[in-house]
Amino acid sequence: MFKEIKNLIFVLVILAFIFFTGRYYFSDENIKKSHRSYNNIDKKINAFSKSLPLLENNTIDIIEYSNPTNPKKKKKFNFWKLVEND
């Protein structure tokens, strides 16, 4: 008897928690607050991005291409010999 009452109380507490959490989450007041905070964050990001300094581009012609002198000469690597040497 006591075990059934205890389980019933647990179920009621869990259902009450889910009900009140959902009620608060979907309330108009919470939705308005969340939209206001989103707008404030967007305003802060825009204000901060306007104060960022712009850096000049200094990466022009930074890649140097080299032509191999002898493309037929390749070094052969053997994986197992590398492992055995350790």
PDB file of N, CA and C in Angstrom:
ATOM      1  N   MET A   1       0.819  -1.189   0.000  1.00  0.00           N
ATOM      2  CA  MET A   1       0.000   0.000   0.000  1.00  0.00           C
ATOM      3  C   MET A   1       0.866   1.257   0.000  1.00  0.00           C
ATOM      4  N   PHE A   2       1.871   1.249   0.875  1.00  0.00           N
ATOM      5  CA  PHE A   2       2.743   2.428   0.985  1.00  0.00           C
ATOM      6  C   PHE A   2       3.545   2.630  -0.298  1.00  0.00           C
ATOM      7  N   LYS A   3       3.955   1.537  -0.934  1.00  0.00           N
ATOM      8  CA  LYS A   3       4.734   1.612  -2.162  1.00  0.00           C
ATOM      9  C   LYS A   3       3.928   2.241  -3.300  1.00  0.00           C
ATOM     10  N   GLU A   4       2.636   1.906  -3.410  1.00  0.00           N
ATOM     11  CA  GLU A   4       1.786   2.475  -4.448  1.00  0.00           C
ATOM     12  C   GLU A   4       1.573   3.966  -4.234  1.00  0.00           C
ATOM     13  N   ILE A   5       1.413   4.373  -2.992  1.00  0.00           N
ATOM     14  CA  ILE A   5       1.232   5.800  -2.677  1.00  0.00           C
ATOM     15  C   ILE A   5       2.506   6.570  -2.999  1.00  0.00           C
ATOM     16  N   LYS A   6       3.648   5.981  -2.671  1.00  0.00           N
ATOM     17  CA  LYS A   6       4.931   6.618  -2.962  1.00  0.00           C
ATOM     18  C   LYS A   6       5.118   6.776  -4.463  1.00  0.00           C
ATOM     19  N   ASN A   7       4.818   5.750  -5.238  1.00  0.00           N
ATOM     20  CA  ASN A   7       4.934   5.829  -6.693  1.00  0.00           C
ATOM     21  C   ASN A   7       3.970   6.851  -7.270  1.00  0.00           C
ATOM     22  N   LEU A   8       2.758   6.934  -6.727  1.00  0.00           N
ATOM     23  CA  LEU A   8       1.784   7.911  -7.182  1.00  0.00           C
ATOM     24  C   LEU A   8       2.279   9.330  -6.922  1.00  0.00           C
ATOM     25  N   ILE A   9       2.887   9.563  -5.781  1.00  0.00           N
ATOM     26  CA  ILE A   9       3.428  10.889  -5.459  1.00  0.00           C
ATOM     27  C   ILE A   9       4.578  11.230  -6.406  1.00  0.00           C
ATOM     28  N   PHE A  10       5.444  10.285  -6.700  1.00  0.00           N
ATOM     29  CA  PHE A  10       6.540  10.515  -7.641  1.00  0.00           C
ATOM     30  C   PHE A  10       6.008  10.904  -9.017  1.00  0.00           C
ATOM     31  N   VAL A  11       5.004  10.177  -9.487  1.00  0.00           N
ATOM     32  CA  VAL A  11       4.430  10.470 -10.797  1.00  0.00           C
ATOM     33  C   VAL A  11       3.785  11.847 -10.795  1.00  0.00           C
ATOM     34  N   LEU A  12       3.069  12.188  -9.736  1.00  0.00           N
ATOM     35  CA  LEU A  12       2.430  13.501  -9.659  1.00  0.00           C
ATOM     36  C   LEU A  12       3.463  14.627  -9.637  1.00  0.00           C
ATOM     37  N   VAL A  13       4.557  14.443  -8.928  1.00  0.00           N
ATOM     38  CA  VAL A  13       5.608  15.461  -8.875  1.00  0.00           C
ATOM     39  C   VAL A  13       6.247  15.636 -10.249  1.00  0.00           C
ATOM     40  N   ILE A  14       6.511  14.551 -10.931  1.00  0.00           N
ATOM     41  CA  ILE A  14       7.115  14.628 -12.264  1.00  0.00           C
ATOM     42  C   ILE A  14       6.167  15.308 -13.242  1.00  0.00           C
ATOM     43  N   LEU A  15       4.895  14.949 -13.218  1.00  0.00           N
ATOM     44  CA  LEU A  15       3.919  15.578 -14.101  1.00  0.00           C
ATOM     45  C   LEU A  15       3.746  17.059 -13.783  1.00  0.00           C
ATOM     46  N   ALA A  16       3.749  17.418 -12.502  1.00  0.00           N
ATOM     47  CA  ALA A  16       3.635  18.828 -12.122  1.00  0.00           C
ATOM     48  C   ALA A  16       4.853  19.606 -12.613  1.00  0.00           C
ATOM     49  N   PHE A  17       6.033  19.023 -12.491  1.00  0.00           N
ATOM     50  CA  PHE A  17       7.247  19.686 -12.971  1.00  0.00           C
ATOM     51  C   PHE A  17       7.171  19.927 -14.474  1.00  0.00           C
ATOM     52  N   ILE A  18       6.769  18.923 -15.234  1.00  0.00           N
ATOM     53  CA  ILE A  18       6.669  19.066 -16.683  1.00  0.00           C
ATOM     54  C   ILE A  18       5.615  20.102 -17.042  1.00  0.00           C
ATOM     55  N   PHE A  19       4.479  20.095 -16.340  1.00  0.00           N
ATOM     56  CA  PHE A  19       3.405  21.042 -16.629  1.00  0.00           C
ATOM     57  C   PHE A  19       3.850  22.475 -16.362  1.00  0.00           C
ATOM     58  N   PHE A  20       4.436  22.744 -15.202  1.00  0.00           N
ATOM     59  CA  PHE A  20       4.831  24.110 -14.864  1.00  0.00           C
ATOM     60  C   PHE A  20       6.006  24.596 -15.713  1.00  0.00           C
ATOM     61  N   THR A  21       6.908  23.703 -16.061  1.00  0.00           N
ATOM     62  CA  THR A  21       8.011  24.080 -16.932  1.00  0.00           C
ATOM     63  C   THR A  21       7.504  24.443 -18.320  1.00  0.00           C
ATOM     64  N   GLY A  22       6.632  23.647 -18.876  1.00  0.00           N
ATOM     65  CA  GLY A  22       6.049  23.933 -20.183  1.00  0.00           C
ATOM     66  C   GLY A  22       5.205  25.192 -20.161  1.00  0.00           C
ATOM     67  N   ARG A  23       4.472  25.384 -19.096  1.00  0.00           N
ATOM     68  CA  ARG A  23       3.638  26.581 -18.975  1.00  0.00           C
ATOM     69  C   ARG A  23       4.479  27.844 -18.952  1.00  0.00           C
ATOM     70  N   TYR A  24       5.602  27.817 -18.220  1.00  0.00           N
ATOM     71  CA  TYR A  24       6.472  28.986 -18.178  1.00  0.00           C
ATOM     72  C   TYR A  24       7.182  29.185 -19.510  1.00  0.00           C
ATOM     73  N   TYR A  25       7.656  28.101 -20.110  1.00  0.00           N
ATOM     74  CA  TYR A  25       8.428  28.193 -21.346  1.00  0.00           C
ATOM     75  C   TYR A  25       7.586  28.758 -22.487  1.00  0.00           C
ATOM     76  N   PHE A  26       6.331  28.364 -22.570  1.00  0.00           N
ATOM     77  CA  PHE A  26       5.470  28.812 -23.658  1.00  0.00           C
ATOM     78  C   PHE A  26       4.637  30.036 -23.300  1.00  0.00           C
ATOM     79  N   SER A  27       4.905  30.667 -22.171  1.00  0.00           N
ATOM     80  CA  SER A  27       4.140  31.853 -21.790  1.00  0.00           C
ATOM     81  C   SER A  27       4.544  33.043 -22.652  1.00  0.00           C
ATOM     82  N   ASP A  28       3.624  33.990 -22.804  1.00  0.00           N
ATOM     83  CA  ASP A  28       3.890  35.185 -23.612  1.00  0.00           C
ATOM     84  C   ASP A  28       5.006  36.023 -23.001  1.00  0.00           C
ATOM     85  N   GLU A  29       5.045  36.078 -21.679  1.00  0.00           N
ATOM     86  CA  GLU A  29       6.074  36.878 -21.013  1.00  0.00           C
ATOM     87  C   GLU A  29       7.481  36.346 -21.322  1.00  0.00           C
ATOM     88  N   ASN A  30       7.653  35.051 -21.267  1.00  0.00           N
ATOM     89  CA  ASN A  30       8.954  34.461 -21.560  1.00  0.00           C
ATOM     90  C   ASN A  30       9.326  34.647 -23.019  1.00  0.00           C
ATOM     91  N   ILE A  31       8.361  34.526 -23.915  1.00  0.00           N
ATOM     92  CA  ILE A  31       8.634  34.698 -25.341  1.00  0.00           C
ATOM     93  C   ILE A  31       9.055  36.138 -25.624  1.00  0.00           C
ATOM     94  N   LYS A  32       8.394  37.109 -25.000  1.00  0.00           N
ATOM     95  CA  LYS A  32       8.765  38.518 -25.178  1.00  0.00           C
ATOM     96  C   LYS A  32      10.165  38.788 -24.652  1.00  0.00           C
ATOM     97  N   LYS A  33      10.486  38.229 -23.486  1.00  0.00           N
ATOM     98  CA  LYS A  33      11.828  38.424 -22.909  1.00  0.00           C
ATOM     99  C   LYS A  33      12.904  37.828 -23.803  1.00  0.00           C
ATOM    100  N   SER A  34      12.638  36.666 -24.364  1.00  0.00           N
ATOM    101  CA  SER A  34      13.652  36.036 -25.207  1.00  0.00           C
ATOM    102  C   SER A  34      13.861  36.827 -26.489  1.00  0.00           C
ATOM    103  N   HIS A  35      12.781  37.353 -27.067  1.00  0.00           N
ATOM    104  CA  HIS A  35      12.929  38.160 -28.282  1.00  0.00           C
ATOM    105  C   HIS A  35      13.670  39.458 -27.990  1.00  0.00           C
ATOM    106  N   ARG A  36      13.409  40.049 -26.827  1.00  0.00           N
ATOM    107  CA  ARG A  36      14.130  41.268 -26.450  1.00  0.00           C
ATOM    108  C   ARG A  36      15.619  40.988 -26.281  1.00  0.00           C
ATOM    109  N   SER A  37      15.942  39.865 -25.660  1.00  0.00           N
ATOM    110  CA  SER A  37      17.358  39.555 -25.466  1.00  0.00           C
ATOM    111  C   SER A  37      18.045  39.282 -26.802  1.00  0.00           C
ATOM    112  N   TYR A  38      17.329  38.639 -27.751  1.00  0.00           N
ATOM    113  CA  TYR A  38      17.911  38.414 -29.078  1.00  0.00           C
ATOM    114  C   TYR A  38      18.201  39.742 -29.767  1.00  0.00           C
ATOM    115  N   ASN A  39      17.270  40.684 -29.653  1.00  0.00           N
ATOM    116  CA  ASN A  39      17.469  41.991 -30.271  1.00  0.00           C
ATOM    117  C   ASN A  39      18.633  42.735 -29.623  1.00  0.00           C
ATOM    118  N   ASN A  40      18.748  42.638 -28.296  1.00  0.00           N
ATOM    119  CA  ASN A  40      19.859  43.299 -27.607  1.00  0.00           C
ATOM    120  C   ASN A  40      21.197  42.712 -28.029  1.00  0.00           C
ATOM    121  N   ILE A  41      21.251  41.402 -28.185  1.00  0.00           N
ATOM    122  CA  ILE A  41      22.497  40.759 -28.606  1.00  0.00           C
ATOM    123  C   ILE A  41      22.870  41.209 -30.016  1.00  0.00           C
ATOM    124  N   ASP A  42      21.878  41.298 -30.908  1.00  0.00           N
ATOM    125  CA  ASP A  42      22.146  41.763 -32.272  1.00  0.00           C
ATOM    126  C   ASP A  42      22.666  43.194 -32.269  1.00  0.00           C
ATOM    127  N   LYS A  43      22.092  44.053 -31.435  1.00  0.00           N
ATOM    128  CA  LYS A  43      22.556  45.442 -31.348  1.00  0.00           C
ATOM    129  C   LYS A  43      23.986  45.510 -30.815  1.00  0.00           C
ATOM    130  N   LYS A  44      24.296  44.702 -29.819  1.00  0.00           N
ATOM    131  CA  LYS A  44      25.652  44.689 -29.264  1.00  0.00           C
ATOM    132  C   LYS A  44      26.656  44.195 -30.300  1.00  0.00           C
ATOM    133  N   ILE A  45      26.293  43.176 -31.060  1.00  0.00           N
ATOM    134  CA  ILE A  45      27.192  42.645 -32.092  1.00  0.00           C
ATOM    135  C   ILE A  45      27.437  43.693 -33.168  1.00  0.00           C
ATOM    136  N   ASN A  46      26.392  44.383 -33.587  1.00  0.00           N
ATOM    137  CA  ASN A  46      26.554  45.423 -34.609  1.00  0.00           C
ATOM    138  C   ASN A  46      27.421  46.565 -34.104  1.00  0.00           C
ATOM    139  N   ALA A  47      27.219  46.988 -32.845  1.00  0.00           N
ATOM    140  CA  ALA A  47      28.030  48.070 -32.289  1.00  0.00           C
ATOM    141  C   ALA A  47      29.489  47.642 -32.167  1.00  0.00           C
ATOM    142  N   PHE A  48      29.729  46.408 -31.750  1.00  0.00           N
ATOM    143  CA  PHE A  48      31.098  45.924 -31.595  1.00  0.00           C
ATOM    144  C   PHE A  48      31.777  45.758 -32.949  1.00  0.00           C
ATOM    145  N   SER A  49      31.034  45.294 -33.946  1.00  0.00           N
ATOM    146  CA  SER A  49      31.644  45.071 -35.259  1.00  0.00           C
ATOM    147  C   SER A  49      32.017  46.386 -35.936  1.00  0.00           C
ATOM    148  N   LYS A  50      31.338  47.471 -35.607  1.00  0.00           N
ATOM    149  CA  LYS A  50      31.690  48.767 -36.187  1.00  0.00           C
ATOM    150  C   LYS A  50      32.998  49.299 -35.613  1.00  0.00           C
ATOM    151  N   SER A  51      33.339  48.889 -34.402  1.00  0.00           N
ATOM    152  CA  SER A  51      34.564  49.394 -33.778  1.00  0.00           C
ATOM    153  C   SER A  51      35.788  48.519 -34.056  1.00  0.00           C
ATOM    154  N   LEU A  52      35.638  47.440 -34.795  1.00  0.00           N
ATOM    155  CA  LEU A  52      36.772  46.575 -35.114  1.00  0.00           C
ATOM    156  C   LEU A  52      37.665  47.226 -36.172  1.00  0.00           C
ATOM    157  N   PRO A  53      38.977  47.177 -35.992  1.00  0.00           N
ATOM    158  CA  PRO A  53      39.859  47.746 -37.009  1.00  0.00           C
ATOM    159  C   PRO A  53      39.994  46.794 -38.198  1.00  0.00           C
ATOM    160  N   LEU A  54      40.157  47.367 -39.381  1.00  0.00           N
ATOM    161  CA  LEU A  54      40.370  46.567 -40.577  1.00  0.00           C
ATOM    162  C   LEU A  54      41.862  46.470 -40.852  1.00  0.00           C
ATOM    163  N   LEU A  55      42.341  45.279 -41.074  1.00  0.00           N
ATOM    164  CA  LEU A  55      43.752  45.054 -41.358  1.00  0.00           C
ATOM    165  C   LEU A  55      43.953  44.984 -42.862  1.00  0.00           C
ATOM    166  N   GLU A  56      45.096  45.490 -43.299  1.00  0.00           N
ATOM    167  CA  GLU A  56      45.366  45.461 -44.729  1.00  0.00           C
ATOM    168  C   GLU A  56      45.817  44.066 -45.148  1.00  0.00           C
ATOM    169  N   ASN A  57      45.589  43.747 -46.388  1.00  0.00           N
ATOM    170  CA  ASN A  57      45.923  42.445 -46.938  1.00  0.00           C
ATOM    171  C   ASN A  57      47.409  42.422 -47.300  1.00  0.00           C
ATOM    172  N   ASN A  58      48.169  41.550 -46.664  1.00  0.00           N
ATOM    173  CA  ASN A  58      49.586  41.424 -46.971  1.00  0.00           C
ATOM    174  C   ASN A  58      49.935  40.009 -47.439  1.00  0.00           C
ATOM    175  N   THR A  59      48.982  39.336 -48.028  1.00  0.00           N
ATOM    176  CA  THR A  59      49.210  37.952 -48.469  1.00  0.00           C
ATOM    177  C   THR A  59      49.270  37.820 -49.980  1.00  0.00           C
ATOM    178  N   ILE A  60      49.543  38.889 -50.680  1.00  0.00           N
ATOM    179  CA  ILE A  60      49.624  38.836 -52.139  1.00  0.00           C
ATOM    180  C   ILE A  60      50.934  38.158 -52.540  1.00  0.00           C
ATOM    181  N   ASP A  61      50.861  37.215 -53.434  1.00  0.00           N
ATOM    182  CA  ASP A  61      52.008  36.455 -53.942  1.00  0.00           C
ATOM    183  C   ASP A  61      52.831  35.820 -52.824  1.00  0.00           C
ATOM    184  N   ILE A  62      52.178  35.235 -51.875  1.00  0.00           N
ATOM    185  CA  ILE A  62      52.897  34.609 -50.768  1.00  0.00           C
ATOM    186  C   ILE A  62      53.268  33.162 -51.078  1.00  0.00           C
ATOM    187  N   ILE A  63      52.577  32.549 -52.021  1.00  0.00           N
ATOM    188  CA  ILE A  63      52.857  31.162 -52.389  1.00  0.00           C
ATOM    189  C   ILE A  63      53.899  31.149 -53.496  1.00  0.00           C
ATOM    190  N   GLU A  64      54.967  30.404 -53.256  1.00  0.00           N
ATOM    191  CA  GLU A  64      56.019  30.254 -54.260  1.00  0.00           C
ATOM    192  C   GLU A  64      55.961  28.831 -54.793  1.00  0.00           C
ATOM    193  N   TYR A  65      55.804  28.722 -56.084  1.00  0.00           N
ATOM    194  CA  TYR A  65      55.743  27.417 -56.716  1.00  0.00           C
ATOM    195  C   TYR A  65      57.143  27.024 -57.183  1.00  0.00           C
ATOM    196  N   SER A  66      57.498  25.780 -56.942  1.00  0.00           N
ATOM    197  CA  SER A  66      58.800  25.295 -57.393  1.00  0.00           C
ATOM    198  C   SER A  66      58.586  24.160 -58.384  1.00  0.00           C
ATOM    199  N   ASN A  67      59.438  24.130 -59.369  1.00  0.00           N
ATOM    200  CA  ASN A  67      59.384  23.073 -60.371  1.00  0.00           C
ATOM    201  C   ASN A  67      60.405  22.007 -60.004  1.00  0.00           C
ATOM    202  N   PRO A  68      59.976  20.759 -59.957  1.00  0.00           N
ATOM    203  CA  PRO A  68      60.949  19.706 -59.641  1.00  0.00           C
ATOM    204  C   PRO A  68      61.963  19.550 -60.772  1.00  0.00           C
ATOM    205  N   THR A  69      63.215  19.324 -60.400  1.00  0.00           N
ATOM    206  CA  THR A  69      64.269  19.218 -61.406  1.00  0.00           C
ATOM    207  C   THR A  69      64.216  17.902 -62.160  1.00  0.00           C
ATOM    208  N   ASN A  70      63.936  16.824 -61.459  1.00  0.00           N
ATOM    209  CA  ASN A  70      63.877  15.519 -62.109  1.00  0.00           C
ATOM    210  C   ASN A  70      62.609  14.810 -61.625  1.00  0.00           C
ATOM    211  N   PRO A  71      61.513  14.893 -62.367  1.00  0.00           N
ATOM    212  CA  PRO A  71      60.263  14.295 -61.900  1.00  0.00           C
ATOM    213  C   PRO A  71      60.261  12.767 -61.915  1.00  0.00           C
ATOM    214  N   LYS A  72      61.183  12.126 -62.666  1.00  0.00           N
ATOM    215  CA  LYS A  72      61.209  10.667 -62.733  1.00  0.00           C
ATOM    216  C   LYS A  72      61.837  10.061 -61.483  1.00  0.00           C
ATOM    217  N   LYS A  73      62.661  10.806 -60.803  1.00  0.00           N
ATOM    218  CA  LYS A  73      63.374  10.289 -59.645  1.00  0.00           C
ATOM    219  C   LYS A  73      62.490  10.470 -58.407  1.00  0.00           C
ATOM    220  N   LYS A  74      61.958   9.363 -57.944  1.00  0.00           N
ATOM    221  CA  LYS A  74      61.105   9.406 -56.759  1.00  0.00           C
ATOM    222  C   LYS A  74      61.685   8.491 -55.701  1.00  0.00           C
ATOM    223  N   LYS A  75      61.578   8.924 -54.484  1.00  0.00           N
ATOM    224  CA  LYS A  75      62.054   8.108 -53.380  1.00  0.00           C
ATOM    225  C   LYS A  75      60.932   7.166 -52.961  1.00  0.00           C
ATOM    226  N   LYS A  76      61.241   5.878 -52.879  1.00  0.00           N
ATOM    227  CA  LYS A  76      60.233   4.902 -52.499  1.00  0.00           C
ATOM    228  C   LYS A  76      60.279   4.714 -50.987  1.00  0.00           C
ATOM    229  N   PHE A  77      59.117   4.786 -50.404  1.00  0.00           N
ATOM    230  CA  PHE A  77      58.994   4.595 -48.961  1.00  0.00           C
ATOM    231  C   PHE A  77      58.333   3.260 -48.694  1.00  0.00           C
ATOM    232  N   ASN A  78      58.860   2.559 -47.732  1.00  0.00           N
ATOM    233  CA  ASN A  78      58.295   1.284 -47.344  1.00  0.00           C
ATOM    234  C   ASN A  78      57.831   1.425 -45.898  1.00  0.00           C
ATOM    235  N   PHE A  79      56.549   1.336 -45.711  1.00  0.00           N
ATOM    236  CA  PHE A  79      55.969   1.554 -44.397  1.00  0.00           C
ATOM    237  C   PHE A  79      56.468   0.550 -43.372  1.00  0.00           C
ATOM    238  N   TRP A  80      56.542  -0.700 -43.750  1.00  0.00           N
ATOM    239  CA  TRP A  80      56.925  -1.731 -42.782  1.00  0.00           C
ATOM    240  C   TRP A  80      58.374  -1.568 -42.329  1.00  0.00           C
ATOM    241  N   LYS A  81      59.249  -1.110 -43.188  1.00  0.00           N
ATOM    242  CA  LYS A  81      60.631  -0.888 -42.773  1.00  0.00           C
ATOM    243  C   LYS A  81      60.718   0.275 -41.782  1.00  0.00           C
ATOM    244  N   LEU A  82      59.855   1.261 -41.951  1.00  0.00           N
ATOM    245  CA  LEU A  82      59.835   2.366 -40.998  1.00  0.00           C
ATOM    246  C   LEU A  82      59.365   1.893 -39.630  1.00  0.00           C
ATOM    247  N   VAL A  83      58.399   1.014 -39.582  1.00  0.00           N
ATOM    248  CA  VAL A  83      57.893   0.505 -38.326  1.00  0.00           C
ATOM    249  C   VAL A  83      58.928  -0.391 -37.663  1.00  0.00           C
ATOM    250  N   GLU A  84      59.640  -1.207 -38.430  1.00  0.00           N
ATOM    251  CA  GLU A  84      60.618  -2.120 -37.860  1.00  0.00           C
ATOM    252  C   GLU A  84      61.808  -1.375 -37.259  1.00  0.00           C
ATOM    253  N   ASN A  85      62.143  -0.208 -37.772  1.00  0.00           N
ATOM    254  CA  ASN A  85      63.285   0.527 -37.269  1.00  0.00           C
ATOM    255  C   ASN A  85      63.053   1.092 -35.871  1.00  0.00           C
ATOM    256  N   ASP A  86      61.791   1.257 -35.483  1.00  0.00           N
ATOM    257  CA  ASP A  86      61.503   1.796 -34.152  1.00  0.00           C
ATOM    258  C   ASP A  86      61.712   0.707 -33.179  1.00  0.00           C
TER     259      ASP A  86
END
